[in-house]
N, C-alpha and C. Protein backbone atom coordinates (compact mmCIF):
# COMPACT_ATOMS: atom_id res chain seq x y z
N UNK A 1 52.04 16.19 -170.52
CA UNK A 1 50.93 15.38 -170.24
C UNK A 1 49.83 15.70 -171.23
N UNK A 2 49.11 14.75 -171.78
CA UNK A 2 48.07 14.97 -172.63
C UNK A 2 46.71 15.13 -171.81
N UNK A 3 45.71 15.47 -172.55
CA UNK A 3 44.27 15.50 -171.84
C UNK A 3 43.92 14.12 -171.41
N UNK A 4 44.14 13.14 -172.26
CA UNK A 4 43.84 11.70 -171.93
C UNK A 4 44.62 11.28 -170.66
N UNK A 5 45.86 11.64 -170.56
CA UNK A 5 46.65 11.25 -169.45
C UNK A 5 46.11 11.93 -168.17
N UNK A 6 45.73 13.23 -168.31
CA UNK A 6 45.15 13.94 -167.18
C UNK A 6 43.94 13.34 -166.72
N UNK A 7 43.01 12.95 -167.62
CA UNK A 7 41.74 12.31 -167.38
C UNK A 7 41.98 11.00 -166.61
N UNK A 8 42.91 10.16 -167.08
CA UNK A 8 43.28 8.92 -166.34
C UNK A 8 43.69 9.00 -164.97
N UNK A 9 44.63 10.07 -164.78
CA UNK A 9 45.12 10.31 -163.45
C UNK A 9 44.05 10.79 -162.46
N UNK A 10 43.17 11.72 -162.92
CA UNK A 10 42.16 12.18 -162.05
C UNK A 10 41.11 11.15 -161.86
N UNK A 11 40.84 10.34 -162.76
CA UNK A 11 39.78 9.25 -162.70
C UNK A 11 40.37 8.31 -161.59
N UNK A 12 41.63 7.97 -161.58
CA UNK A 12 42.21 7.07 -160.60
C UNK A 12 42.26 7.62 -159.20
N UNK A 13 42.51 8.95 -159.09
CA UNK A 13 42.47 9.57 -157.69
C UNK A 13 41.13 9.73 -157.17
N UNK A 14 40.15 9.85 -158.12
CA UNK A 14 38.78 10.17 -157.53
C UNK A 14 37.96 8.79 -157.56
N UNK A 15 38.56 7.65 -157.89
CA UNK A 15 37.88 6.34 -157.96
C UNK A 15 36.68 6.47 -158.78
N UNK A 16 36.71 7.19 -159.99
CA UNK A 16 35.59 7.33 -160.89
C UNK A 16 36.01 6.75 -162.28
N UNK A 17 34.94 6.61 -163.02
CA UNK A 17 35.34 6.12 -164.49
C UNK A 17 35.99 7.21 -165.29
N UNK A 18 36.78 6.80 -166.27
CA UNK A 18 37.40 7.69 -167.13
C UNK A 18 36.33 8.43 -168.00
N UNK A 19 35.28 7.74 -168.33
CA UNK A 19 34.30 8.42 -169.21
C UNK A 19 33.61 9.49 -168.34
N UNK A 20 33.26 9.28 -167.08
CA UNK A 20 32.70 10.32 -166.24
C UNK A 20 33.69 11.44 -166.12
N UNK A 21 34.92 11.19 -165.78
CA UNK A 21 35.95 12.16 -165.57
C UNK A 21 36.19 12.97 -166.91
N UNK A 22 36.14 12.33 -167.97
CA UNK A 22 36.37 12.94 -169.26
C UNK A 22 35.22 13.91 -169.51
N UNK A 23 34.04 13.57 -169.17
CA UNK A 23 32.83 14.46 -169.30
C UNK A 23 32.95 15.63 -168.47
N UNK A 24 33.38 15.51 -167.21
CA UNK A 24 33.61 16.63 -166.27
C UNK A 24 34.65 17.51 -166.79
N UNK A 25 35.79 17.05 -167.25
CA UNK A 25 36.91 17.88 -167.80
C UNK A 25 36.41 18.64 -169.06
N UNK A 26 35.76 18.01 -169.94
CA UNK A 26 35.22 18.61 -171.13
C UNK A 26 34.23 19.72 -170.80
N UNK A 27 33.27 19.53 -169.85
CA UNK A 27 32.31 20.43 -169.47
C UNK A 27 32.98 21.66 -168.76
N UNK A 28 34.01 21.39 -167.99
CA UNK A 28 34.74 22.55 -167.25
C UNK A 28 35.38 23.40 -168.36
N UNK A 29 36.18 22.73 -169.26
CA UNK A 29 36.87 23.52 -170.31
C UNK A 29 35.80 24.33 -171.28
N UNK A 30 34.78 23.69 -171.56
CA UNK A 30 33.68 24.39 -172.33
C UNK A 30 33.21 25.63 -171.53
N UNK A 31 33.00 25.48 -170.28
CA UNK A 31 32.47 26.64 -169.54
C UNK A 31 33.52 27.74 -169.41
N UNK A 32 34.73 27.39 -169.29
CA UNK A 32 35.78 28.39 -169.31
C UNK A 32 35.89 29.09 -170.65
N UNK A 33 35.79 28.23 -171.73
CA UNK A 33 35.91 28.82 -173.06
C UNK A 33 34.77 29.78 -173.35
N UNK A 34 33.55 29.36 -172.98
CA UNK A 34 32.37 30.16 -173.19
C UNK A 34 32.37 31.50 -172.31
N UNK A 35 32.88 31.46 -171.07
CA UNK A 35 33.03 32.57 -170.30
C UNK A 35 34.03 33.58 -170.87
N UNK A 36 35.24 33.08 -171.34
CA UNK A 36 36.22 33.96 -171.89
C UNK A 36 35.69 34.40 -173.29
N UNK A 37 34.92 33.70 -173.98
CA UNK A 37 34.35 34.21 -175.31
C UNK A 37 33.44 35.38 -175.10
N UNK A 38 32.79 35.54 -173.92
CA UNK A 38 31.94 36.60 -173.57
C UNK A 38 32.67 37.78 -172.94
N UNK A 39 34.02 37.60 -172.81
CA UNK A 39 34.81 38.73 -172.24
C UNK A 39 34.89 38.60 -170.75
N UNK A 40 34.43 37.44 -170.06
CA UNK A 40 34.59 37.35 -168.67
C UNK A 40 35.87 36.75 -168.16
N UNK A 41 35.92 36.54 -166.88
CA UNK A 41 37.16 36.00 -166.31
C UNK A 41 36.73 34.95 -165.17
N UNK A 42 37.73 34.12 -164.88
CA UNK A 42 37.57 33.13 -163.83
C UNK A 42 38.76 32.92 -163.17
N UNK A 43 38.68 32.74 -161.72
CA UNK A 43 39.94 32.58 -161.00
C UNK A 43 39.73 31.26 -160.08
N UNK A 44 40.85 30.57 -159.88
CA UNK A 44 40.97 29.50 -159.04
C UNK A 44 42.04 29.81 -157.89
N UNK A 45 41.52 30.08 -156.77
CA UNK A 45 42.32 30.46 -155.67
C UNK A 45 43.55 29.49 -155.47
N UNK A 46 44.73 30.11 -155.42
CA UNK A 46 45.92 29.32 -155.26
C UNK A 46 46.56 28.80 -156.55
N UNK A 47 45.66 28.82 -157.65
CA UNK A 47 46.16 28.23 -158.95
C UNK A 47 46.45 29.41 -159.91
N UNK A 48 45.39 30.17 -160.13
CA UNK A 48 45.55 31.32 -161.10
C UNK A 48 44.22 31.77 -161.64
N UNK A 49 44.24 32.79 -162.61
CA UNK A 49 43.03 33.26 -163.21
C UNK A 49 43.17 33.39 -164.71
N UNK A 50 42.09 33.14 -165.35
CA UNK A 50 42.02 33.31 -166.79
C UNK A 50 41.13 34.57 -167.05
N UNK A 51 41.63 35.30 -168.09
CA UNK A 51 40.86 36.48 -168.43
C UNK A 51 41.17 36.85 -169.88
N UNK A 52 40.50 37.87 -170.28
CA UNK A 52 40.68 38.40 -171.64
C UNK A 52 41.33 39.76 -171.64
N UNK A 53 42.27 39.96 -172.54
CA UNK A 53 43.08 41.19 -172.66
C UNK A 53 42.94 41.72 -174.17
N UNK A 54 42.92 43.05 -174.19
CA UNK A 54 42.86 43.62 -175.57
C UNK A 54 44.29 43.96 -176.03
N UNK A 55 44.52 43.63 -177.22
CA UNK A 55 45.76 44.09 -177.86
C UNK A 55 45.56 45.18 -178.85
N UNK A 56 46.21 46.26 -178.73
CA UNK A 56 46.07 47.37 -179.67
C UNK A 56 46.62 47.08 -180.98
N UNK A 57 46.18 47.76 -182.06
CA UNK A 57 46.79 47.55 -183.42
C UNK A 57 48.22 48.07 -183.23
N UNK A 58 49.02 47.43 -184.06
CA UNK A 58 50.48 47.81 -184.02
C UNK A 58 51.12 47.59 -185.36
N UNK A 59 52.31 48.05 -185.55
CA UNK A 59 53.03 47.92 -186.79
C UNK A 59 53.91 46.74 -186.65
N UNK A 60 53.94 45.91 -187.79
CA UNK A 60 54.86 44.80 -187.86
C UNK A 60 55.46 44.61 -189.18
N UNK A 61 56.26 43.58 -189.38
CA UNK A 61 56.84 43.41 -190.70
C UNK A 61 56.61 41.95 -191.13
N UNK A 62 56.37 41.84 -192.46
CA UNK A 62 56.12 40.48 -193.11
C UNK A 62 57.57 39.87 -193.13
N UNK A 63 57.77 38.75 -192.41
CA UNK A 63 59.03 38.17 -192.44
C UNK A 63 59.56 37.70 -193.68
N UNK A 64 58.75 37.38 -194.67
CA UNK A 64 59.16 36.98 -195.95
C UNK A 64 59.67 38.14 -196.86
N UNK A 65 58.88 39.20 -196.81
CA UNK A 65 59.22 40.33 -197.76
C UNK A 65 59.89 41.51 -197.02
N UNK A 66 59.74 41.63 -195.68
CA UNK A 66 60.21 42.72 -194.94
C UNK A 66 59.33 43.96 -195.01
N UNK A 67 58.27 43.84 -195.71
CA UNK A 67 57.31 44.93 -195.95
C UNK A 67 56.56 45.31 -194.60
N UNK A 68 56.53 46.54 -194.32
CA UNK A 68 55.71 46.95 -193.17
C UNK A 68 54.26 46.80 -193.32
N UNK A 69 53.64 46.31 -192.26
CA UNK A 69 52.15 46.15 -192.28
C UNK A 69 51.55 46.49 -190.96
N UNK A 70 50.26 46.63 -190.88
CA UNK A 70 49.56 46.90 -189.74
C UNK A 70 48.87 45.58 -189.15
N UNK A 71 49.16 45.29 -187.89
CA UNK A 71 48.57 44.09 -187.23
C UNK A 71 47.30 44.66 -186.57
N UNK A 72 46.16 44.14 -186.83
CA UNK A 72 44.92 44.71 -186.29
C UNK A 72 44.79 44.40 -184.85
N UNK A 73 43.95 45.21 -184.21
CA UNK A 73 43.67 44.94 -182.73
C UNK A 73 42.98 43.67 -182.62
N UNK A 74 43.15 43.01 -181.39
CA UNK A 74 42.50 41.74 -181.18
C UNK A 74 42.29 41.49 -179.66
N UNK A 75 41.61 40.50 -179.28
CA UNK A 75 41.45 40.14 -177.95
C UNK A 75 42.11 38.77 -177.81
N UNK A 76 42.86 38.55 -176.70
CA UNK A 76 43.60 37.31 -176.44
C UNK A 76 43.29 36.78 -175.01
N UNK A 77 43.29 35.52 -174.86
CA UNK A 77 43.15 34.85 -173.56
C UNK A 77 44.47 34.98 -172.80
N UNK A 78 44.31 35.38 -171.50
CA UNK A 78 45.49 35.45 -170.67
C UNK A 78 45.36 34.61 -169.42
N UNK A 79 46.43 34.12 -168.96
CA UNK A 79 46.48 33.39 -167.69
C UNK A 79 47.48 33.99 -166.74
N UNK A 80 47.12 34.29 -165.50
CA UNK A 80 48.01 34.76 -164.50
C UNK A 80 48.06 33.86 -163.42
N UNK A 81 49.28 33.29 -163.17
CA UNK A 81 49.38 32.23 -162.15
C UNK A 81 49.23 32.73 -160.73
N UNK A 82 48.60 32.00 -159.94
CA UNK A 82 48.35 32.43 -158.50
C UNK A 82 49.65 32.08 -157.65
N UNK A 83 49.55 32.49 -156.42
CA UNK A 83 50.71 32.32 -155.44
C UNK A 83 51.06 30.86 -155.28
N UNK A 84 50.12 29.91 -155.16
CA UNK A 84 50.38 28.54 -154.95
C UNK A 84 51.03 27.91 -156.07
N UNK A 85 50.65 28.29 -157.26
CA UNK A 85 51.34 27.74 -158.57
C UNK A 85 52.66 28.26 -158.67
N UNK A 86 52.88 29.58 -158.47
CA UNK A 86 54.19 30.18 -158.48
C UNK A 86 55.11 29.50 -157.51
N UNK A 87 54.74 29.20 -156.35
CA UNK A 87 55.54 28.53 -155.30
C UNK A 87 55.89 27.12 -155.73
N UNK A 88 54.93 26.40 -156.36
CA UNK A 88 55.06 24.98 -156.71
C UNK A 88 56.08 24.94 -157.87
N UNK A 89 56.00 25.86 -158.81
CA UNK A 89 56.94 25.88 -159.90
C UNK A 89 58.34 26.43 -159.52
N UNK A 90 58.36 27.40 -158.62
CA UNK A 90 59.63 28.03 -158.17
C UNK A 90 60.40 27.24 -157.17
N UNK A 91 59.78 26.25 -156.60
CA UNK A 91 60.35 25.41 -155.63
C UNK A 91 60.39 25.96 -154.20
N UNK A 92 59.59 26.97 -153.97
CA UNK A 92 59.51 27.53 -152.60
C UNK A 92 58.61 26.72 -151.76
N UNK A 93 59.12 26.48 -150.48
CA UNK A 93 58.24 25.82 -149.47
C UNK A 93 57.25 26.64 -148.89
N UNK A 94 56.02 26.14 -148.53
CA UNK A 94 55.04 26.82 -147.82
C UNK A 94 55.26 26.89 -146.38
């Protein structure tokens, strides 16, 4: 599913315009992006939570040359699924 398809489905279910729904989806994603950019986290009960995790520097290899190199430390976005999402994907009934 693409973002446009998601917007169309949500607009139909909420009986609102696709333009308004698109604005709401964009605003929501921008707020999540900004919050994670500041190192924060956000959770949606039953769905999951987004957060920031630190990756330590580590050794790796250049796949083209095989030369050993150091991969620098970094921060990455993480998603942890909630119980409701796990059950929906795993096929367990509530």
